[in-house]
Amino acid sequence: MKKTTITLASSLLLASFSFAQQKYIIKADIKGEEGYKLKASIVTDNHKTEDTGTIRQGDHFEFSGEHSGTSLVMMGSTHPSSKYEYVKGGMFMPAPFLEFFMTDKPVTITGDANELFMAKVTGGKLNDEFNTLKEKTLPLVQKNWELRKETAKMKAPADSTARKAKMAEMTANTKKIEDIQKEWVNKHPKSFVSVIMLLRMFDNYAIDDMEKTFNKLSSDLKATESGKNLAERIKGVRTTAIGSKAPDFTKPDLNGNPLTLSSLQGKYVLIDFWGSWCGPCRASNPHLKELYAKYKSKGFEILGIANEKEDDVKEAKEKWQKCVKGDDLPWLHVLNNFDKNKSDLVAQYAVSGFPTKLLLDKSGRIIFKEVGGGGTDLDNELKKIFGE
């Protein structure tokens, strides 16, 4: 079965030097954008993506506002070329975003609405550095976008030679992009762009290689919020490796009573990182209920750790409790949002996608880890432990 995962895009793209509010100015000349709208999302220092709102129509425009620190911007458009529809008015795949950094320097964008992601961006040292990387990777990004559209148009079956050839070419291009980015990072240990690329490519590095590359970064970069975030993720991976003892924690359960992970020792415990907002998580719940009913009497327990998007803990709690009740989930539950500033389990366990599941043995050691939902690996692991 195909696994489905929702990645933590905002944490992977986190970009920040400071918490002070500063004004930004973005000017653009986008040929062919007249009659359509642009929309920019700003990834801020507190892991949140803020929408600038829809920018007014027209080829020429300027907009400004305030933001905290140095932020990565992802810009898209309502122009027809910004997506490819599989079904008219229905399913579609989006084009790559135009990406650039927003600092205290004005940014100028020049390009064509047909390929917004290829637009030229100037303004500030950080964008100059980012451009030296993008000029090497964008031709491959552009090629993959064309291949994706060509593949989507094909009526040939999934296992056809022609379709496989295009998929293989896309995979090869993606590997080339990754290699270019890794080489760039190694050559630019003092650039903040390198920190962002390491966060972005975290899962594409062996943990030893990631740590070696991180250690080469300047002390100033390591001291940024993004640098600290990267260090925390490295630590989390080390901490949650197969064979490691799962980090202990205490969080309130559905009734507000403290629940400590170590209190469950003596059972095989499946930790399930999920959220009410996560489609793949909730889609996997019916099967989890089957597994729970099958193995609970044999010493199997599930502990759901919900991570809700709401900043307000009361709102997060309401969504969490409503979802648990509505989906009729009979196992143990805690909410990560409680005291998240003191104990963030998503960071502590280096969770990079939802759902993430970890199976602990009776002593609390991690014996299995899975990111995504819908596979059969967990079933097989439980069969090895409990039998059919």
Protein backbone atom coordinates (compact mmCIF):
# COMPACT_ATOMS: atom_id res chain seq x y z
CA MET A 1 0.00 0.00 0.00
CA LYS A 2 1.14 3.54 -0.70
CA LYS A 3 2.26 5.54 2.30
CA THR A 4 1.04 9.10 2.69
CA THR A 5 2.87 11.68 4.75
CA ILE A 6 2.39 15.34 5.58
CA THR A 7 5.78 16.96 6.10
CA LEU A 8 6.59 19.73 8.50
CA ALA A 9 7.21 22.29 5.81
CA SER A 10 7.28 25.30 8.09
CA SER A 11 9.85 23.83 10.47
CA LEU A 12 12.01 22.68 7.57
CA LEU A 13 11.97 26.15 6.05
CA LEU A 14 12.36 28.14 9.24
CA ALA A 15 14.44 31.24 8.64
CA SER A 16 15.30 33.79 11.27
CA PHE A 17 18.10 35.98 12.56
CA SER A 18 16.19 38.05 15.12
CA PHE A 19 12.83 38.68 16.73
CA ALA A 20 12.69 42.42 16.03
CA GLN A 21 9.96 43.67 13.72
CA GLN A 22 11.27 45.21 10.52
CA LYS A 23 9.65 46.54 7.38
CA TYR A 24 9.88 44.75 4.07
CA ILE A 25 9.32 46.04 0.53
CA ILE A 26 8.78 43.82 -2.50
CA LYS A 27 8.58 45.25 -6.01
CA ALA A 28 7.71 43.10 -9.00
CA ASP A 29 7.33 43.24 -12.75
CA ILE A 30 5.71 39.97 -13.83
CA LYS A 31 4.90 39.80 -17.54
CA GLY A 32 1.49 38.26 -18.20
CA GLU A 33 0.28 38.54 -14.61
CA GLU A 34 -2.34 41.18 -15.49
CA GLY A 35 -5.75 39.84 -14.52
CA TYR A 36 -4.34 37.27 -12.09
CA LYS A 37 -3.20 37.43 -8.49
CA LEU A 38 -0.03 36.65 -6.59
CA LYS A 39 0.13 35.29 -3.08
CA ALA A 40 3.17 35.13 -0.84
CA SER A 41 3.67 33.09 2.32
CA ILE A 42 6.33 34.11 4.82
CA VAL A 43 7.94 31.45 7.00
CA THR A 44 8.75 33.20 10.26
CA ASP A 45 10.99 32.65 13.24
CA ASN A 46 8.30 30.93 15.32
CA HIS A 47 7.71 28.09 12.85
CA LYS A 48 4.55 29.71 11.50
CA THR A 49 3.65 30.50 7.91
CA GLU A 50 2.06 33.92 7.59
CA ASP A 51 0.10 34.88 4.50
CA THR A 52 0.70 38.35 3.13
CA GLY A 53 -2.76 38.10 1.60
CA THR A 54 -3.50 38.29 -2.09
CA ILE A 55 -1.46 40.91 -3.89
CA ARG A 56 -3.40 43.18 -6.22
CA GLN A 57 -3.76 42.34 -9.88
CA GLY A 58 -1.43 43.73 -12.50
CA ASP A 59 1.96 43.26 -14.13
CA HIS A 60 3.63 45.91 -11.96
CA PHE A 61 3.11 46.07 -8.23
CA GLU A 62 4.69 46.87 -4.92
CA PHE A 63 3.69 45.76 -1.46
CA SER A 64 5.14 46.12 2.00
CA GLY A 65 4.58 45.14 5.59
CA GLU A 66 6.38 44.09 8.75
CA HIS A 67 7.95 40.80 9.71
CA SER A 68 10.33 39.49 12.34
CA GLY A 69 13.84 38.63 11.30
CA THR A 70 15.12 37.22 8.03
CA SER A 71 12.41 35.10 6.44
CA LEU A 72 12.04 32.78 3.50
CA VAL A 73 9.21 33.70 1.13
CA MET A 74 7.32 31.26 -1.08
CA MET A 75 5.32 33.00 -3.81
CA GLY A 76 2.63 31.52 -6.03
CA SER A 77 0.05 32.80 -8.50
CA THR A 78 -3.52 32.21 -9.69
CA HIS A 79 -2.18 32.19 -13.26
CA PRO A 80 -3.24 28.98 -15.12
CA SER A 81 0.41 27.96 -15.56
CA SER A 82 0.85 27.79 -11.78
CA LYS A 83 -0.80 24.38 -11.71
CA TYR A 84 -1.64 21.42 -13.90
CA GLU A 85 -5.16 20.03 -13.55
CA TYR A 86 -5.65 16.29 -13.82
CA VAL A 87 -9.40 16.85 -13.90
CA LYS A 88 -10.81 20.21 -14.98
CA GLY A 89 -11.95 22.03 -11.88
CA GLY A 90 -10.73 19.12 -9.78
CA MET A 91 -7.42 17.50 -8.84
CA PHE A 92 -4.25 19.36 -9.76
CA MET A 93 -0.54 19.54 -9.01
CA PRO A 94 1.00 22.94 -8.21
CA ALA A 95 4.00 24.39 -10.00
CA PRO A 96 7.17 25.02 -7.98
CA PHE A 97 7.08 28.19 -5.87
CA LEU A 98 9.23 31.24 -6.45
CA GLU A 99 11.49 31.38 -3.41
CA PHE A 100 13.58 34.21 -2.03
CA PHE A 101 14.71 35.74 1.24
CA MET A 102 13.16 38.80 2.78
CA THR A 103 15.47 40.91 4.91
CA ASP A 104 15.67 44.63 5.65
CA LYS A 105 16.64 45.26 2.00
CA PRO A 106 14.00 45.94 -0.70
CA VAL A 107 13.45 42.99 -3.04
CA THR A 108 12.82 43.28 -6.79
CA ILE A 109 11.27 40.46 -8.84
CA THR A 110 11.34 40.32 -12.64
CA GLY A 111 9.90 37.47 -14.64
CA ASP A 112 7.10 35.85 -16.62
CA ALA A 113 3.81 34.60 -15.19
CA ASN A 114 4.12 31.41 -17.25
CA GLU A 115 7.07 30.36 -15.11
CA LEU A 116 6.94 32.45 -11.98
CA PHE A 117 9.35 30.13 -10.14
CA MET A 118 12.06 31.06 -12.68
CA ALA A 119 11.77 34.83 -12.01
CA LYS A 120 14.90 36.84 -11.25
CA VAL A 121 15.14 38.13 -7.68
CA THR A 122 17.52 40.84 -6.49
CA GLY A 123 17.94 42.62 -3.19
CA GLY A 124 20.36 41.95 -0.35
CA LYS A 125 23.41 39.75 0.13
CA LEU A 126 21.35 36.70 1.11
CA ASN A 127 19.45 36.66 -2.17
CA ASP A 128 22.71 37.14 -4.07
CA GLU A 129 24.03 34.00 -2.37
CA PHE A 130 20.78 32.11 -2.91
CA ASN A 131 20.85 33.03 -6.60
CA THR A 132 24.25 31.36 -7.08
CA LEU A 133 22.63 28.13 -5.93
CA LYS A 134 19.36 28.56 -7.82
CA GLU A 135 21.07 29.26 -11.14
CA LYS A 136 22.46 25.72 -10.96
CA THR A 137 19.30 23.97 -9.76
CA LEU A 138 16.46 25.84 -11.48
CA PRO A 139 17.09 24.41 -14.97
CA LEU A 140 16.62 20.96 -13.45
CA VAL A 141 13.55 22.10 -11.49
CA GLN A 142 12.15 23.50 -14.73
CA LYS A 143 12.84 20.23 -16.56
CA ASN A 144 11.14 18.19 -13.85
CA TRP A 145 8.07 20.42 -13.96
CA GLU A 146 7.75 19.79 -17.70
CA LEU A 147 8.25 16.06 -17.17
CA ARG A 148 5.60 16.00 -14.46
CA LYS A 149 3.10 17.63 -16.79
CA GLU A 150 4.01 15.30 -19.65
CA THR A 151 3.63 12.28 -17.40
CA ALA A 152 0.26 13.51 -16.13
CA LYS A 153 -1.00 13.85 -19.70
CA MET A 154 0.02 10.33 -20.64
CA LYS A 155 -2.72 7.75 -21.01
CA ALA A 156 -0.25 4.90 -20.83
CA PRO A 157 -0.50 2.58 -17.78
CA ALA A 158 1.69 3.21 -14.76
CA ASP A 159 4.04 0.35 -15.63
CA SER A 160 4.50 1.36 -19.28
CA THR A 161 8.04 1.77 -20.61
CA ALA A 162 7.44 5.39 -21.65
CA ARG A 163 6.05 6.42 -18.26
CA LYS A 164 8.84 4.60 -16.41
CA ALA A 165 11.43 6.40 -18.54
CA LYS A 166 10.05 9.83 -17.61
CA MET A 167 9.83 8.88 -13.94
CA ALA A 168 13.42 7.67 -14.03
CA GLU A 169 14.54 10.94 -15.60
CA MET A 170 12.76 12.94 -12.89
CA THR A 171 14.38 10.83 -10.19
CA ALA A 172 17.81 11.37 -11.76
CA ASN A 173 17.21 15.14 -11.96
CA THR A 174 16.10 15.25 -8.32
CA LYS A 175 19.30 13.44 -7.32
CA LYS A 176 21.36 15.96 -9.32
CA ILE A 177 19.59 18.84 -7.55
CA GLU A 178 20.34 17.26 -4.18
CA ASP A 179 24.01 16.76 -5.06
CA ILE A 180 24.33 20.37 -6.23
CA GLN A 181 22.74 21.64 -3.02
CA LYS A 182 24.98 19.51 -0.81
CA GLU A 183 28.08 20.66 -2.65
CA TRP A 184 26.97 24.30 -2.35
CA VAL A 185 26.38 23.94 1.40
CA ASN A 186 29.84 22.43 1.90
CA LYS A 187 31.40 25.39 0.12
CA HIS A 188 29.36 28.03 2.00
CA PRO A 189 29.58 27.27 5.75
CA LYS A 190 29.08 30.95 6.61
CA SER A 191 25.91 31.50 4.57
CA PHE A 192 22.51 31.42 6.25
CA VAL A 193 21.20 29.78 3.07
CA SER A 194 23.20 26.70 4.06
CA VAL A 195 21.27 26.36 7.33
CA ILE A 196 17.97 26.49 5.46
CA MET A 197 19.14 23.94 2.91
CA LEU A 198 20.27 21.57 5.67
CA LEU A 199 16.89 21.83 7.36
CA ARG A 200 15.22 21.20 4.04
CA MET A 201 17.38 18.22 3.09
CA PHE A 202 17.63 16.78 6.58
CA ASP A 203 16.11 13.41 5.68
CA ASN A 204 18.40 13.11 2.64
CA TYR A 205 21.53 12.98 4.80
CA ALA A 206 22.85 10.08 6.83
CA ILE A 207 22.86 11.41 10.38
CA ASP A 208 26.68 11.21 10.65
CA ASP A 209 27.07 13.26 7.46
CA MET A 210 24.49 15.77 8.65
CA GLU A 211 26.30 16.24 11.94
CA LYS A 212 29.68 16.66 10.22
CA THR A 213 28.22 19.27 7.87
CA PHE A 214 26.49 21.08 10.74
CA ASN A 215 29.72 21.19 12.74
CA LYS A 216 31.41 23.03 9.84
CA LEU A 217 28.91 25.90 10.05
CA SER A 218 30.04 29.15 11.63
CA SER A 219 29.23 29.73 15.31
CA ASP A 220 27.03 32.69 14.31
CA LEU A 221 24.85 30.44 12.15
CA LYS A 222 24.59 27.81 14.87
CA ALA A 223 23.34 30.51 17.25
CA THR A 224 20.40 31.51 15.01
CA GLU A 225 16.94 30.10 15.71
CA SER A 226 17.28 27.95 12.60
CA GLY A 227 20.71 26.75 13.69
CA LYS A 228 19.33 25.78 17.09
CA ASN A 229 16.42 24.04 15.39
CA LEU A 230 18.84 22.05 13.25
CA ALA A 231 20.92 21.07 16.28
CA GLU A 232 17.76 19.93 18.06
CA ARG A 233 16.75 17.76 15.12
CA ILE A 234 20.17 16.12 14.99
CA LYS A 235 19.96 15.42 18.71
CA GLY A 236 16.42 14.08 18.25
CA VAL A 237 17.48 11.62 15.57
CA ARG A 238 20.32 10.39 17.75
CA THR A 239 17.93 10.07 20.67
CA THR A 240 15.24 8.19 18.74
CA ALA A 241 17.42 5.80 16.74
CA ILE A 242 16.40 2.13 16.68
CA GLY A 243 17.66 0.55 19.89
CA SER A 244 17.61 3.82 21.83
CA LYS A 245 15.55 4.35 24.95
CA ALA A 246 12.57 6.55 24.10
CA PRO A 247 12.86 9.95 25.83
CA ASP A 248 10.57 10.03 28.85
CA PHE A 249 7.93 12.74 29.23
CA THR A 250 4.80 13.66 31.12
CA LYS A 251 1.77 15.32 29.51
CA PRO A 252 -1.90 15.67 30.56
CA ASP A 253 -4.24 13.00 29.18
CA LEU A 254 -7.83 13.51 27.97
CA ASN A 255 -9.03 13.90 31.56
CA GLY A 256 -6.27 16.32 32.52
CA ASN A 257 -4.36 13.74 34.55
CA PRO A 258 -0.57 13.49 34.09
CA LEU A 259 0.51 10.56 31.93
CA THR A 260 4.18 9.55 31.99
CA LEU A 261 5.58 7.41 29.19
CA SER A 262 7.77 5.31 31.48
CA SER A 263 4.66 4.25 33.44
CA LEU A 264 3.73 2.10 30.44
CA GLN A 265 6.86 -0.07 30.62
CA GLY A 266 6.01 -3.75 30.69
CA LYS A 267 3.89 -3.37 27.54
CA TYR A 268 4.68 -2.95 23.87
CA VAL A 269 3.74 0.68 23.21
CA LEU A 270 3.04 2.28 19.86
CA ILE A 271 3.60 6.05 19.97
CA ASP A 272 1.52 7.71 17.26
CA PHE A 273 2.29 11.35 16.36
CA TRP A 274 -0.81 12.75 14.67
CA GLY A 275 -3.20 15.73 14.52
CA SER A 276 -6.88 16.38 13.85
CA TRP A 277 -5.84 18.37 10.75
CA CYS A 278 -3.81 15.47 9.27
CA GLY A 279 -5.75 13.51 6.65
CA PRO A 280 -3.29 10.58 6.38
CA CYS A 281 -3.24 10.30 10.19
CA ARG A 282 -6.99 10.00 10.48
CA ALA A 283 -7.17 7.70 7.47
CA SER A 284 -4.91 5.26 9.33
CA ASN A 285 -7.04 5.29 12.49
CA PRO A 286 -9.54 2.57 11.45
CA HIS A 287 -6.68 0.13 10.90
CA LEU A 288 -5.04 1.14 14.18
CA LYS A 289 -8.33 0.34 15.90
CA GLU A 290 -8.22 -3.14 14.37
CA LEU A 291 -4.66 -3.67 15.59
CA TYR A 292 -5.52 -2.36 19.04
CA ALA A 293 -8.50 -4.69 19.38
CA LYS A 294 -6.40 -7.62 18.16
CA TYR A 295 -3.37 -7.18 20.41
CA LYS A 296 -4.44 -5.16 23.48
CA SER A 297 -5.10 -8.25 25.58
CA LYS A 298 -1.60 -9.51 24.70
CA GLY A 299 0.17 -6.50 26.21
CA PHE A 300 -0.10 -3.91 23.41
CA GLU A 301 -0.86 -0.23 24.05
CA ILE A 302 -1.14 2.83 21.82
CA LEU A 303 -0.28 6.35 22.96
CA GLY A 304 -1.48 9.06 20.62
CA ILE A 305 0.47 12.33 20.74
CA ALA A 306 -1.58 15.00 19.01
CA ASN A 307 0.11 18.13 17.68
CA GLU A 308 -2.53 20.73 16.80
CA LYS A 309 -1.84 23.85 14.71
CA GLU A 310 -3.68 26.32 16.95
CA ASP A 311 -1.52 28.66 19.06
CA ASP A 312 -4.29 28.94 21.63
CA VAL A 313 -4.07 25.86 23.86
CA LYS A 314 -7.78 25.97 24.65
CA GLU A 315 -8.67 25.86 20.95
CA ALA A 316 -6.13 23.09 20.34
CA LYS A 317 -7.58 21.09 23.23
CA GLU A 318 -11.12 21.42 21.89
CA LYS A 319 -10.13 20.23 18.40
CA TRP A 320 -8.13 17.34 19.85
CA GLN A 321 -10.86 16.13 22.19
CA LYS A 322 -13.56 16.49 19.53
CA CYS A 323 -11.51 14.46 17.05
CA VAL A 324 -10.67 11.69 19.53
CA LYS A 325 -14.35 11.39 20.44
CA GLY A 326 -15.61 11.69 16.86
CA ASP A 327 -13.18 9.09 15.52
CA ASP A 328 -13.83 6.89 18.57
CA LEU A 329 -10.16 6.27 19.39
CA PRO A 330 -10.06 3.99 22.47
CA TRP A 331 -6.37 4.19 23.39
CA LEU A 332 -4.33 6.62 25.51
CA HIS A 333 -3.91 10.22 24.36
CA VAL A 334 -1.90 13.32 25.24
CA LEU A 335 -1.70 16.74 23.59
CA ASN A 336 1.72 18.12 22.67
CA ASN A 337 0.41 21.70 22.78
CA PHE A 338 0.28 21.60 26.60
CA ASP A 339 3.46 23.32 27.89
CA LYS A 340 4.93 23.08 24.40
CA ASN A 341 7.45 25.84 25.14
CA LYS A 342 8.92 23.66 27.90
CA SER A 343 8.43 20.22 26.37
CA ASP A 344 7.91 19.97 22.60
CA LEU A 345 7.71 16.26 21.83
CA VAL A 346 7.70 16.84 18.06
CA ALA A 347 11.13 18.46 18.37
CA GLN A 348 12.33 16.05 21.05
CA TYR A 349 11.50 13.05 18.88
CA ALA A 350 12.69 14.72 15.64
CA VAL A 351 9.33 14.19 13.95
CA SER A 352 9.60 15.30 10.32
CA GLY A 353 6.23 14.14 9.02
CA PHE A 354 2.77 13.08 10.09
CA PRO A 355 1.85 10.44 10.97
CA THR A 356 5.01 9.13 12.63
CA LYS A 357 4.82 5.90 14.59
CA LEU A 358 7.38 4.40 16.97
CA LEU A 359 7.04 0.98 18.56
CA LEU A 360 8.66 0.48 21.97
CA ASP A 361 9.49 -2.85 23.57
CA LYS A 362 8.64 -3.66 27.18
CA SER A 363 11.72 -1.82 28.46
CA GLY A 364 10.88 1.34 26.52
CA ARG A 365 13.43 0.92 23.74
CA ILE A 366 12.55 1.86 20.17
CA ILE A 367 12.35 -1.24 17.98
CA PHE A 368 10.45 0.14 14.97
CA LYS A 369 9.84 3.52 13.34
CA GLU A 370 7.58 4.49 10.46
CA VAL A 371 6.82 7.84 8.83
CA GLY A 372 3.62 7.90 6.82
CA GLY A 373 0.48 5.82 6.86
CA GLY A 374 -0.96 2.95 4.88
CA GLY A 375 1.96 0.51 4.84
CA THR A 376 2.08 -3.06 6.17
CA ASP A 377 5.44 -2.88 7.97
CA LEU A 378 3.81 -2.21 11.35
CA ASP A 379 1.46 -5.16 10.89
CA ASN A 380 4.41 -7.43 10.15
CA GLU A 381 6.32 -6.15 13.17
CA LEU A 382 3.39 -6.84 15.49
CA LYS A 383 2.91 -10.31 14.00
CA LYS A 384 6.54 -11.10 14.81
CA ILE A 385 5.93 -10.09 18.43
CA PHE A 386 2.45 -11.43 19.12
CA GLY A 387 1.86 -13.98 16.37
CA GLU A 388 -1.20 -13.97 14.12
